[in-house]
Amino acid sequence: PYPSKFDEGIITQIVRKFKPPGSRENVTLDESKTNRTMGG
């Protein structure tokens, strides 16, 4: 039930902290699928 941007923040921070050195992270909401921001 949490806001979409909250989940995105958690995932982004985990990726930033544990990704391989020198790599960049990209976390995006898949808008091709119904999501909670659309009532999913």
PDB file of all heavy atoms in Angstrom:
ATOM      1  N   PRO A   1       0.784  -1.238   0.000  1.00  0.00           N
ATOM      2  CA  PRO A   1       0.000   0.000   0.000  1.00  0.00           C
ATOM      3  C   PRO A   1       0.818   1.292   0.000  1.00  0.00           C
ATOM      4  O   PRO A   1       0.255   2.377   0.094  1.00  0.00           O
ATOM      5  CB  PRO A   1      -0.823  -0.118   1.277  1.00  0.00           C
ATOM      6  CG  PRO A   1       0.030  -0.919   2.197  1.00  0.00           C
ATOM      7  CD  PRO A   1       0.752  -1.891   1.308  1.00  0.00           C
ATOM      8  N   TYR A   2       2.128   1.193  -0.093  1.00  0.00           N
ATOM      9  CA  TYR A   2       2.961   2.384  -0.030  1.00  0.00           C
ATOM     10  C   TYR A   2       3.011   3.096  -1.381  1.00  0.00           C
ATOM     11  O   TYR A   2       2.778   2.495  -2.417  1.00  0.00           O
ATOM     12  CB  TYR A   2       4.363   2.025   0.473  1.00  0.00           C
ATOM     13  CG  TYR A   2       4.314   1.658   1.934  1.00  0.00           C
ATOM     14  CD1 TYR A   2       4.245   0.337   2.346  1.00  0.00           C
ATOM     15  CD2 TYR A   2       4.265   2.647   2.908  1.00  0.00           C
ATOM     16  CE1 TYR A   2       4.144   0.003   3.684  1.00  0.00           C
ATOM     17  CE2 TYR A   2       4.166   2.328   4.243  1.00  0.00           C
ATOM     18  CZ  TYR A   2       4.105   1.009   4.634  1.00  0.00           C
ATOM     19  OH  TYR A   2       3.993   0.693   5.954  1.00  0.00           O
ATOM     20  N   PRO A   3       3.338   4.389  -1.369  1.00  0.00           N
ATOM     21  CA  PRO A   3       3.397   5.131  -2.632  1.00  0.00           C
ATOM     22  C   PRO A   3       4.489   4.593  -3.557  1.00  0.00           C
ATOM     23  O   PRO A   3       5.546   4.166  -3.111  1.00  0.00           O
ATOM     24  CB  PRO A   3       3.692   6.567  -2.211  1.00  0.00           C
ATOM     25  CG  PRO A   3       3.765   6.597  -0.750  1.00  0.00           C
ATOM     26  CD  PRO A   3       3.621   5.230  -0.212  1.00  0.00           C
ATOM     27  N   SER A   4       4.230   4.660  -4.825  1.00  0.00           N
ATOM     28  CA  SER A   4       5.140   4.175  -5.844  1.00  0.00           C
ATOM     29  C   SER A   4       6.532   4.800  -5.709  1.00  0.00           C
ATOM     30  O   SER A   4       7.547   4.116  -5.813  1.00  0.00           O
ATOM     31  CB  SER A   4       4.541   4.487  -7.216  1.00  0.00           C
ATOM     32  OG  SER A   4       5.417   4.138  -8.232  1.00  0.00           O
ATOM     33  N   LYS A   5       6.596   6.098  -5.490  1.00  0.00           N
ATOM     34  CA  LYS A   5       7.901   6.783  -5.394  1.00  0.00           C
ATOM     35  C   LYS A   5       8.688   6.332  -4.162  1.00  0.00           C
ATOM     36  O   LYS A   5       9.917   6.321  -4.168  1.00  0.00           O
ATOM     37  CB  LYS A   5       7.730   8.304  -5.377  1.00  0.00           C
ATOM     38  CG  LYS A   5       7.501   8.881  -6.743  1.00  0.00           C
ATOM     39  CD  LYS A   5       8.726   8.684  -7.618  1.00  0.00           C
ATOM     40  CE  LYS A   5       8.590   9.345  -8.955  1.00  0.00           C
ATOM     41  NZ  LYS A   5       9.720   9.070  -9.837  1.00  0.00           N
ATOM     42  N   PHE A   6       7.994   5.952  -3.106  1.00  0.00           N
ATOM     43  CA  PHE A   6       8.640   5.408  -1.912  1.00  0.00           C
ATOM     44  C   PHE A   6       9.352   4.101  -2.267  1.00  0.00           C
ATOM     45  O   PHE A   6      10.525   3.914  -1.950  1.00  0.00           O
ATOM     46  CB  PHE A   6       7.584   5.187  -0.827  1.00  0.00           C
ATOM     47  CG  PHE A   6       8.078   4.541   0.431  1.00  0.00           C
ATOM     48  CD1 PHE A   6       8.873   5.237   1.332  1.00  0.00           C
ATOM     49  CD2 PHE A   6       7.708   3.243   0.747  1.00  0.00           C
ATOM     50  CE1 PHE A   6       9.309   4.645   2.514  1.00  0.00           C
ATOM     51  CE2 PHE A   6       8.126   2.643   1.923  1.00  0.00           C
ATOM     52  CZ  PHE A   6       8.939   3.349   2.807  1.00  0.00           C
ATOM     53  N   ASP A   7       8.634   3.197  -2.950  1.00  0.00           N
ATOM     54  CA  ASP A   7       9.236   1.936  -3.374  1.00  0.00           C
ATOM     55  C   ASP A   7      10.432   2.178  -4.288  1.00  0.00           C
ATOM     56  O   ASP A   7      11.473   1.550  -4.143  1.00  0.00           O
ATOM     57  CB  ASP A   7       8.209   1.073  -4.114  1.00  0.00           C
ATOM     58  CG  ASP A   7       7.113   0.539  -3.203  1.00  0.00           C
ATOM     59  OD1 ASP A   7       7.253   0.601  -1.974  1.00  0.00           O
ATOM     60  OD2 ASP A   7       6.103   0.043  -3.741  1.00  0.00           O
ATOM     61  N   GLU A   8      10.279   3.106  -5.214  1.00  0.00           N
ATOM     62  CA  GLU A   8      11.373   3.430  -6.134  1.00  0.00           C
ATOM     63  C   GLU A   8      12.610   3.915  -5.366  1.00  0.00           C
ATOM     64  O   GLU A   8      13.737   3.560  -5.700  1.00  0.00           O
ATOM     65  CB  GLU A   8      10.916   4.489  -7.132  1.00  0.00           C
ATOM     66  CG  GLU A   8      11.926   4.791  -8.209  1.00  0.00           C
ATOM     67  CD  GLU A   8      11.438   5.833  -9.195  1.00  0.00           C
ATOM     68  OE1 GLU A   8      10.215   5.949  -9.424  1.00  0.00           O
ATOM     69  OE2 GLU A   8      12.300   6.540  -9.744  1.00  0.00           O
ATOM     70  N   GLY A   9      12.389   4.711  -4.317  1.00  0.00           N
ATOM     71  CA  GLY A   9      13.504   5.196  -3.495  1.00  0.00           C
ATOM     72  C   GLY A   9      14.225   4.075  -2.775  1.00  0.00           C
ATOM     73  O   GLY A   9      15.456   4.043  -2.724  1.00  0.00           O
ATOM     74  N   ILE A  10      13.467   3.136  -2.212  1.00  0.00           N
ATOM     75  CA  ILE A  10      14.081   1.992  -1.514  1.00  0.00           C
ATOM     76  C   ILE A  10      14.925   1.182  -2.492  1.00  0.00           C
ATOM     77  O   ILE A  10      16.094   0.874  -2.221  1.00  0.00           O
ATOM     78  CB  ILE A  10      13.001   1.085  -0.881  1.00  0.00           C
ATOM     79  CG1 ILE A  10      12.237   1.813   0.224  1.00  0.00           C
ATOM     80  CG2 ILE A  10      13.647  -0.191  -0.315  1.00  0.00           C
ATOM     81  CD1 ILE A  10      10.999   1.068   0.717  1.00  0.00           C
ATOM     82  N   ILE A  11      14.339   0.831  -3.624  1.00  0.00           N
ATOM     83  CA  ILE A  11      15.046   0.012  -4.616  1.00  0.00           C
ATOM     84  C   ILE A  11      16.289   0.744  -5.117  1.00  0.00           C
ATOM     85  O   ILE A  11      17.378   0.158  -5.203  1.00  0.00           O
ATOM     86  CB  ILE A  11      14.108  -0.350  -5.786  1.00  0.00           C
ATOM     87  CG1 ILE A  11      12.949  -1.226  -5.290  1.00  0.00           C
ATOM     88  CG2 ILE A  11      14.884  -1.053  -6.906  1.00  0.00           C
ATOM     89  CD1 ILE A  11      11.793  -1.337  -6.274  1.00  0.00           C
ATOM     90  N   THR A  12      16.159   2.023  -5.418  1.00  0.00           N
ATOM     91  CA  THR A  12      17.289   2.810  -5.916  1.00  0.00           C
ATOM     92  C   THR A  12      18.442   2.811  -4.918  1.00  0.00           C
ATOM     93  O   THR A  12      19.607   2.618  -5.300  1.00  0.00           O
ATOM     94  CB  THR A  12      16.844   4.253  -6.223  1.00  0.00           C
ATOM     95  OG1 THR A  12      15.858   4.217  -7.261  1.00  0.00           O
ATOM     96  CG2 THR A  12      18.010   5.125  -6.665  1.00  0.00           C
ATOM     97  N   GLN A  13      18.151   2.990  -3.646  1.00  0.00           N
ATOM     98  CA  GLN A  13      19.215   3.036  -2.636  1.00  0.00           C
ATOM     99  C   GLN A  13      19.910   1.684  -2.487  1.00  0.00           C
ATOM    100  O   GLN A  13      21.130   1.626  -2.334  1.00  0.00           O
ATOM    101  CB  GLN A  13      18.669   3.523  -1.290  1.00  0.00           C
ATOM    102  CG  GLN A  13      19.748   3.870  -0.298  1.00  0.00           C
ATOM    103  CD  GLN A  13      20.654   5.006  -0.758  1.00  0.00           C
ATOM    104  OE1 GLN A  13      20.317   5.796  -1.632  1.00  0.00           O
ATOM    105  NE2 GLN A  13      21.834   5.084  -0.178  1.00  0.00           N
ATOM    106  N   ILE A  14      19.148   0.611  -2.539  1.00  0.00           N
ATOM    107  CA  ILE A  14      19.758  -0.731  -2.470  1.00  0.00           C
ATOM    108  C   ILE A  14      20.688  -0.936  -3.674  1.00  0.00           C
ATOM    109  O   ILE A  14      21.819  -1.408  -3.524  1.00  0.00           O
ATOM    110  CB  ILE A  14      18.672  -1.831  -2.425  1.00  0.00           C
ATOM    111  CG1 ILE A  14      17.965  -1.835  -1.069  1.00  0.00           C
ATOM    112  CG2 ILE A  14      19.257  -3.213  -2.747  1.00  0.00           C
ATOM    113  CD1 ILE A  14      18.775  -2.339   0.100  1.00  0.00           C
ATOM    114  N   VAL A  15      20.214  -0.563  -4.863  1.00  0.00           N
ATOM    115  CA  VAL A  15      21.049  -0.727  -6.064  1.00  0.00           C
ATOM    116  C   VAL A  15      22.306   0.133  -5.943  1.00  0.00           C
ATOM    117  O   VAL A  15      23.418  -0.337  -6.218  1.00  0.00           O
ATOM    118  CB  VAL A  15      20.258  -0.408  -7.354  1.00  0.00           C
ATOM    119  CG1 VAL A  15      21.163  -0.460  -8.582  1.00  0.00           C
ATOM    120  CG2 VAL A  15      19.091  -1.378  -7.527  1.00  0.00           C
ATOM    121  N   ARG A  16      22.165   1.369  -5.507  1.00  0.00           N
ATOM    122  CA  ARG A  16      23.345   2.253  -5.362  1.00  0.00           C
ATOM    123  C   ARG A  16      24.360   1.674  -4.393  1.00  0.00           C
ATOM    124  O   ARG A  16      25.564   1.751  -4.622  1.00  0.00           O
ATOM    125  CB  ARG A  16      22.909   3.634  -4.861  1.00  0.00           C
ATOM    126  CG  ARG A  16      22.337   4.484  -5.933  1.00  0.00           C
ATOM    127  CD  ARG A  16      22.009   5.874  -5.459  1.00  0.00           C
ATOM    128  NE  ARG A  16      21.387   6.592  -6.569  1.00  0.00           N
ATOM    129  CZ  ARG A  16      20.721   7.710  -6.453  1.00  0.00           C
ATOM    130  NH1 ARG A  16      20.561   8.272  -5.269  1.00  0.00           N
ATOM    131  NH2 ARG A  16      20.190   8.280  -7.508  1.00  0.00           N
ATOM    132  N   LYS A  17      23.869   1.111  -3.317  1.00  0.00           N
ATOM    133  CA  LYS A  17      24.768   0.616  -2.275  1.00  0.00           C
ATOM    134  C   LYS A  17      25.461  -0.694  -2.650  1.00  0.00           C
ATOM    135  O   LYS A  17      26.602  -0.924  -2.264  1.00  0.00           O
ATOM    136  CB  LYS A  17      23.990   0.447  -0.971  1.00  0.00           C
ATOM    137  CG  LYS A  17      24.857   0.120   0.195  1.00  0.00           C
ATOM    138  CD  LYS A  17      24.136   0.278   1.498  1.00  0.00           C
ATOM    139  CE  LYS A  17      25.111  -0.079   2.606  1.00  0.00           C
ATOM    140  NZ  LYS A  17      24.774   0.397   3.866  1.00  0.00           N
ATOM    141  N   PHE A  18      24.788  -1.555  -3.425  1.00  0.00           N
ATOM    142  CA  PHE A  18      25.319  -2.901  -3.656  1.00  0.00           C
ATOM    143  C   PHE A  18      25.661  -3.226  -5.111  1.00  0.00           C
ATOM    144  O   PHE A  18      26.078  -4.343  -5.405  1.00  0.00           O
ATOM    145  CB  PHE A  18      24.329  -3.941  -3.101  1.00  0.00           C
ATOM    146  CG  PHE A  18      24.189  -3.850  -1.616  1.00  0.00           C
ATOM    147  CD1 PHE A  18      23.097  -3.216  -1.046  1.00  0.00           C
ATOM    148  CD2 PHE A  18      25.174  -4.361  -0.776  1.00  0.00           C
ATOM    149  CE1 PHE A  18      22.969  -3.106   0.330  1.00  0.00           C
ATOM    150  CE2 PHE A  18      25.053  -4.258   0.597  1.00  0.00           C
ATOM    151  CZ  PHE A  18      23.954  -3.626   1.156  1.00  0.00           C
ATOM    152  N   LYS A  19      25.544  -2.278  -6.018  1.00  0.00           N
ATOM    153  CA  LYS A  19      25.892  -2.535  -7.425  1.00  0.00           C
ATOM    154  C   LYS A  19      27.408  -2.668  -7.555  1.00  0.00           C
ATOM    155  O   LYS A  19      28.166  -2.210  -6.697  1.00  0.00           O
ATOM    156  CB  LYS A  19      25.374  -1.399  -8.309  1.00  0.00           C
ATOM    157  CG  LYS A  19      26.059  -0.069  -8.050  1.00  0.00           C
ATOM    158  CD  LYS A  19      25.462   1.024  -8.909  1.00  0.00           C
ATOM    159  CE  LYS A  19      25.910   2.353  -8.456  1.00  0.00           C
ATOM    160  NZ  LYS A  19      26.937   3.042  -8.940  1.00  0.00           N
ATOM    161  N   PRO A  20      27.861  -3.281  -8.630  1.00  0.00           N
ATOM    162  CA  PRO A  20      29.300  -3.394  -8.850  1.00  0.00           C
ATOM    163  C   PRO A  20      29.937  -2.007  -8.981  1.00  0.00           C
ATOM    164  O   PRO A  20      29.311  -1.083  -9.521  1.00  0.00           O
ATOM    165  CB  PRO A  20      29.409  -4.160 -10.175  1.00  0.00           C
ATOM    166  CG  PRO A  20      28.092  -4.843 -10.342  1.00  0.00           C
ATOM    167  CD  PRO A  20      27.082  -3.972  -9.660  1.00  0.00           C
ATOM    168  N   PRO A  21      31.174  -1.856  -8.515  1.00  0.00           N
ATOM    169  CA  PRO A  21      31.856  -0.564  -8.627  1.00  0.00           C
ATOM    170  C   PRO A  21      31.927  -0.099 -10.080  1.00  0.00           C
ATOM    171  O   PRO A  21      32.133  -0.890 -10.992  1.00  0.00           O
ATOM    172  CB  PRO A  21      33.262  -0.857  -8.083  1.00  0.00           C
ATOM    173  CG  PRO A  21      33.123  -2.087  -7.271  1.00  0.00           C
ATOM    174  CD  PRO A  21      31.991  -2.872  -7.862  1.00  0.00           C
ATOM    175  N   GLY A  22      31.722   1.188 -10.272  1.00  0.00           N
ATOM    176  CA  GLY A  22      31.826   1.782 -11.595  1.00  0.00           C
ATOM    177  C   GLY A  22      30.571   1.693 -12.440  1.00  0.00           C
ATOM    178  O   GLY A  22      30.514   2.275 -13.516  1.00  0.00           O
ATOM    179  N   SER A  23      29.573   0.970 -11.985  1.00  0.00           N
ATOM    180  CA  SER A  23      28.339   0.874 -12.777  1.00  0.00           C
ATOM    181  C   SER A  23      27.351   1.941 -12.314  1.00  0.00           C
ATOM    182  O   SER A  23      27.441   2.455 -11.211  1.00  0.00           O
ATOM    183  CB  SER A  23      27.727  -0.522 -12.652  1.00  0.00           C
ATOM    184  OG  SER A  23      27.373  -0.794 -11.321  1.00  0.00           O
ATOM    185  N   ARG A  24      26.420   2.268 -13.189  1.00  0.00           N
ATOM    186  CA  ARG A  24      25.388   3.261 -12.872  1.00  0.00           C
ATOM    187  C   ARG A  24      24.067   2.542 -12.683  1.00  0.00           C
ATOM    188  O   ARG A  24      23.815   1.531 -13.333  1.00  0.00           O
ATOM    189  CB  ARG A  24      25.245   4.273 -13.998  1.00  0.00           C
ATOM    190  CG  ARG A  24      26.471   5.115 -14.182  1.00  0.00           C
ATOM    191  CD  ARG A  24      26.259   6.092 -15.297  1.00  0.00           C
ATOM    192  NE  ARG A  24      27.461   6.896 -15.441  1.00  0.00           N
ATOM    193  CZ  ARG A  24      27.447   8.155 -15.757  1.00  0.00           C
ATOM    194  NH1 ARG A  24      26.321   8.774 -15.994  1.00  0.00           N
ATOM    195  NH2 ARG A  24      28.570   8.817 -15.860  1.00  0.00           N
ATOM    196  N   GLU A  25      23.234   3.088 -11.831  1.00  0.00           N
ATOM    197  CA  GLU A  25      21.938   2.459 -11.615  1.00  0.00           C
ATOM    198  C   GLU A  25      20.842   3.203 -12.361  1.00  0.00           C
ATOM    199  O   GLU A  25      20.940   4.398 -12.591  1.00  0.00           O
ATOM    200  CB  GLU A  25      21.603   2.400 -10.118  1.00  0.00           C
ATOM    201  CG  GLU A  25      21.100   3.673  -9.512  1.00  0.00           C
ATOM    202  CD  GLU A  25      22.182   4.688  -9.205  1.00  0.00           C
ATOM    203  OE1 GLU A  25      23.370   4.350  -9.126  1.00  0.00           O
ATOM    204  OE2 GLU A  25      21.816   5.858  -9.037  1.00  0.00           O
ATOM    205  N   ASN A  26      19.828   2.441 -12.748  1.00  0.00           N
ATOM    206  CA  ASN A  26      18.643   3.011 -13.362  1.00  0.00           C
ATOM    207  C   ASN A  26      17.453   2.187 -12.883  1.00  0.00           C
ATOM    208  O   ASN A  26      17.375   0.985 -13.149  1.00  0.00           O
ATOM    209  CB  ASN A  26      18.753   2.978 -14.887  1.00  0.00           C
ATOM    210  CG  ASN A  26      17.590   3.684 -15.553  1.00  0.00           C
ATOM    211  OD1 ASN A  26      16.992   4.586 -14.980  1.00  0.00           O
ATOM    212  ND2 ASN A  26      17.265   3.268 -16.756  1.00  0.00           N
ATOM    213  N   VAL A  27      16.569   2.833 -12.148  1.00  0.00           N
ATOM    214  CA  VAL A  27      15.358   2.181 -11.636  1.00  0.00           C
ATOM    215  C   VAL A  27      14.181   2.969 -12.191  1.00  0.00           C
ATOM    216  O   VAL A  27      14.051   4.156 -11.924  1.00  0.00           O
ATOM    217  CB  VAL A  27      15.327   2.167 -10.098  1.00  0.00           C
ATOM    218  CG1 VAL A  27      14.026   1.561  -9.584  1.00  0.00           C
ATOM    219  CG2 VAL A  27      16.543   1.434  -9.534  1.00  0.00           C
ATOM    220  N   THR A  28      13.334   2.292 -12.981  1.00  0.00           N
ATOM    221  CA  THR A  28      12.194   2.985 -13.575  1.00  0.00           C
ATOM    222  C   THR A  28      10.922   2.175 -13.392  1.00  0.00           C
ATOM    223  O   THR A  28      10.935   0.936 -13.443  1.00  0.00           O
ATOM    224  CB  THR A  28      12.401   3.255 -15.078  1.00  0.00           C
ATOM    225  OG1 THR A  28      12.661   2.023 -15.737  1.00  0.00           O
ATOM    226  CG2 THR A  28      13.540   4.209 -15.325  1.00  0.00           C
ATOM    227  N   LEU A  29       9.852   2.890 -13.192  1.00  0.00           N
ATOM    228  CA  LEU A  29       8.532   2.282 -13.129  1.00  0.00           C
ATOM    229  C   LEU A  29       8.155   1.847 -14.538  1.00  0.00           C
ATOM    230  O   LEU A  29       8.237   2.638 -15.480  1.00  0.00           O
ATOM    231  CB  LEU A  29       7.523   3.304 -12.593  1.00  0.00           C
ATOM    232  CG  LEU A  29       6.068   2.866 -12.506  1.00  0.00           C
ATOM    233  CD1 LEU A  29       5.899   1.704 -11.534  1.00  0.00           C
ATOM    234  CD2 LEU A  29       5.205   4.042 -12.076  1.00  0.00           C
ATOM    235  N   ASP A  30       7.757   0.593 -14.687  1.00  0.00           N
ATOM    236  CA  ASP A  30       7.348   0.075 -15.991  1.00  0.00           C
ATOM    237  C   ASP A  30       5.933   0.574 -16.275  1.00  0.00           C
ATOM    238  O   ASP A  30       4.955   0.021 -15.786  1.00  0.00           O
ATOM    239  CB  ASP A  30       7.396  -1.454 -15.993  1.00  0.00           C
ATOM    240  CG  ASP A  30       7.071  -2.052 -17.348  1.00  0.00           C
ATOM    241  OD1 ASP A  30       6.675  -1.298 -18.262  1.00  0.00           O
ATOM    242  OD2 ASP A  30       7.217  -3.283 -17.489  1.00  0.00           O
ATOM    243  N   GLU A  31       5.847   1.630 -17.058  1.00  0.00           N
ATOM    244  CA  GLU A  31       4.552   2.242 -17.344  1.00  0.00           C
ATOM    245  C   GLU A  31       3.793   1.527 -18.452  1.00  0.00           C
ATOM    246  O   GLU A  31       2.668   1.903 -18.767  1.00  0.00           O
ATOM    247  CB  GLU A  31       4.733   3.731 -17.638  1.00  0.00           C
ATOM    248  CG  GLU A  31       5.224   4.467 -16.407  1.00  0.00           C
ATOM    249  CD  GLU A  31       5.238   5.965 -16.554  1.00  0.00           C
ATOM    250  OE1 GLU A  31       4.646   6.488 -17.513  1.00  0.00           O
ATOM    251  OE2 GLU A  31       5.840   6.609 -15.684  1.00  0.00           O
ATOM    252  N   SER A  32       4.385   0.469 -19.010  1.00  0.00           N
ATOM    253  CA  SER A  32       3.657  -0.325 -20.006  1.00  0.00           C
ATOM    254  C   SER A  32       2.669  -1.274 -19.319  1.00  0.00           C
ATOM    255  O   SER A  32       1.831  -1.872 -19.970  1.00  0.00           O
ATOM    256  CB  SER A  32       4.632  -1.126 -20.874  1.00  0.00           C
ATOM    257  OG  SER A  32       5.225  -2.186 -20.134  1.00  0.00           O
ATOM    258  N   LYS A  33       2.795  -1.388 -17.994  1.00  0.00           N
ATOM    259  CA  LYS A  33       1.889  -2.234 -17.218  1.00  0.00           C
ATOM    260  C   LYS A  33       1.078  -1.357 -16.274  1.00  0.00           C
ATOM    261  O   LYS A  33       1.553  -0.318 -15.819  1.00  0.00           O
ATOM    262  CB  LYS A  33       2.684  -3.261 -16.409  1.00  0.00           C
ATOM    263  CG  LYS A  33       3.481  -4.196 -17.288  1.00  0.00           C
ATOM    264  CD  LYS A  33       4.196  -5.235 -16.463  1.00  0.00           C
ATOM    265  CE  LYS A  33       5.146  -5.982 -17.314  1.00  0.00           C
ATOM    266  NZ  LYS A  33       5.023  -7.188 -17.742  1.00  0.00           N
ATOM    267  N   THR A  34      -0.128  -1.788 -15.993  1.00  0.00           N
ATOM    268  CA  THR A  34      -0.947  -1.057 -15.027  1.00  0.00           C
ATOM    269  C   THR A  34      -0.215  -1.035 -13.697  1.00  0.00           C
ATOM    270  O   THR A  34       0.343  -2.046 -13.272  1.00  0.00           O
ATOM    271  CB  THR A  34      -2.323  -1.738 -14.865  1.00  0.00           C
ATOM    272  OG1 THR A  34      -2.941  -1.797 -16.148  1.00  0.00           O
ATOM    273  CG2 THR A  34      -3.206  -0.955 -13.934  1.00  0.00           C
ATOM    274  N   ASN A  35      -0.179   0.115 -13.056  1.00  0.00           N
ATOM    275  CA  ASN A  35       0.516   0.226 -11.781  1.00  0.00           C
ATOM    276  C   ASN A  35      -0.368   0.936 -10.760  1.00  0.00           C
ATOM    277  O   ASN A  35      -1.471   1.377 -11.077  1.00  0.00           O
ATOM    278  CB  ASN A  35       1.863   0.921 -11.974  1.00  0.00           C
ATOM    279  CG  ASN A  35       1.723   2.310 -12.548  1.00  0.00           C
ATOM    280  OD1 ASN A  35       1.145   3.190 -11.917  1.00  0.00           O
ATOM    281  ND2 ASN A  35       2.217   2.519 -13.762  1.00  0.00           N
ATOM    282  N   ARG A  36       0.108   1.030  -9.539  1.00  0.00           N
ATOM    283  CA  ARG A  36      -0.692   1.617  -8.458  1.00  0.00           C
ATOM    284  C   ARG A  36      -1.019   3.084  -8.720  1.00  0.00           C
ATOM    285  O   ARG A  36      -2.046   3.565  -8.271  1.00  0.00           O
ATOM    286  CB  ARG A  36       0.015   1.449  -7.113  1.00  0.00           C
ATOM    287  CG  ARG A  36       0.027   0.017  -6.636  1.00  0.00           C
ATOM    288  CD  ARG A  36       0.514  -0.122  -5.201  1.00  0.00           C
ATOM    289  NE  ARG A  36       1.645   0.690  -4.871  1.00  0.00           N
ATOM    290  CZ  ARG A  36       2.904   0.249  -4.791  1.00  0.00           C
ATOM    291  NH1 ARG A  36       3.187  -1.008  -5.035  1.00  0.00           N
ATOM    292  NH2 ARG A  36       3.873   1.063  -4.467  1.00  0.00           N
ATOM    293  N   THR A  37      -0.163   3.797  -9.441  1.00  0.00           N
ATOM    294  CA  THR A  37      -0.469   5.203  -9.731  1.00  0.00           C
ATOM    295  C   THR A  37      -1.657   5.324 -10.674  1.00  0.00           C
ATOM    296  O   THR A  37      -2.268   6.383 -10.767  1.00  0.00           O
ATOM    297  CB  THR A  37       0.755   5.940 -10.330  1.00  0.00           C
ATOM    298  OG1 THR A  37       1.073   5.358 -11.588  1.00  0.00           O
ATOM    299  CG2 THR A  37       1.953   5.867  -9.396  1.00  0.00           C
ATOM    300  N   MET A  38      -1.982   4.220 -11.366  1.00  0.00           N
ATOM    301  CA  MET A  38      -3.133   4.177 -12.277  1.00  0.00           C
ATOM    302  C   MET A  38      -4.305   3.421 -11.655  1.00  0.00           C
ATOM    303  O   MET A  38      -5.256   3.081 -12.347  1.00  0.00           O
ATOM    304  CB  MET A  38      -2.751   3.455 -13.575  1.00  0.00           C
ATOM    305  CG  MET A  38      -1.607   4.013 -14.332  1.00  0.00           C
ATOM    306  SD  MET A  38      -1.234   2.813 -15.653  1.00  0.00           S
ATOM    307  CE  MET A  38       0.053   3.663 -16.509  1.00  0.00           C
ATOM    308  N   GLY A  39      -4.197   3.086 -10.375  1.00  0.00           N
ATOM    309  CA  GLY A  39      -5.254   2.330  -9.712  1.00  0.00           C
ATOM    310  C   GLY A  39      -5.043   0.831  -9.745  1.00  0.00           C
ATOM    311  O   GLY A  39      -5.923   0.069  -9.328  1.00  0.00           O
ATOM    312  N   GLY A  40      -3.888   0.366 -10.219  1.00  0.00           N
ATOM    313  CA  GLY A  40      -3.583  -1.062 -10.257  1.00  0.00           C
ATOM    314  C   GLY A  40      -3.202  -1.601  -8.894  1.00  0.00           C
ATOM    315  O   GLY A  40      -3.131  -0.859  -7.907  1.00  0.00           O
TER     316      GLY A  40
END
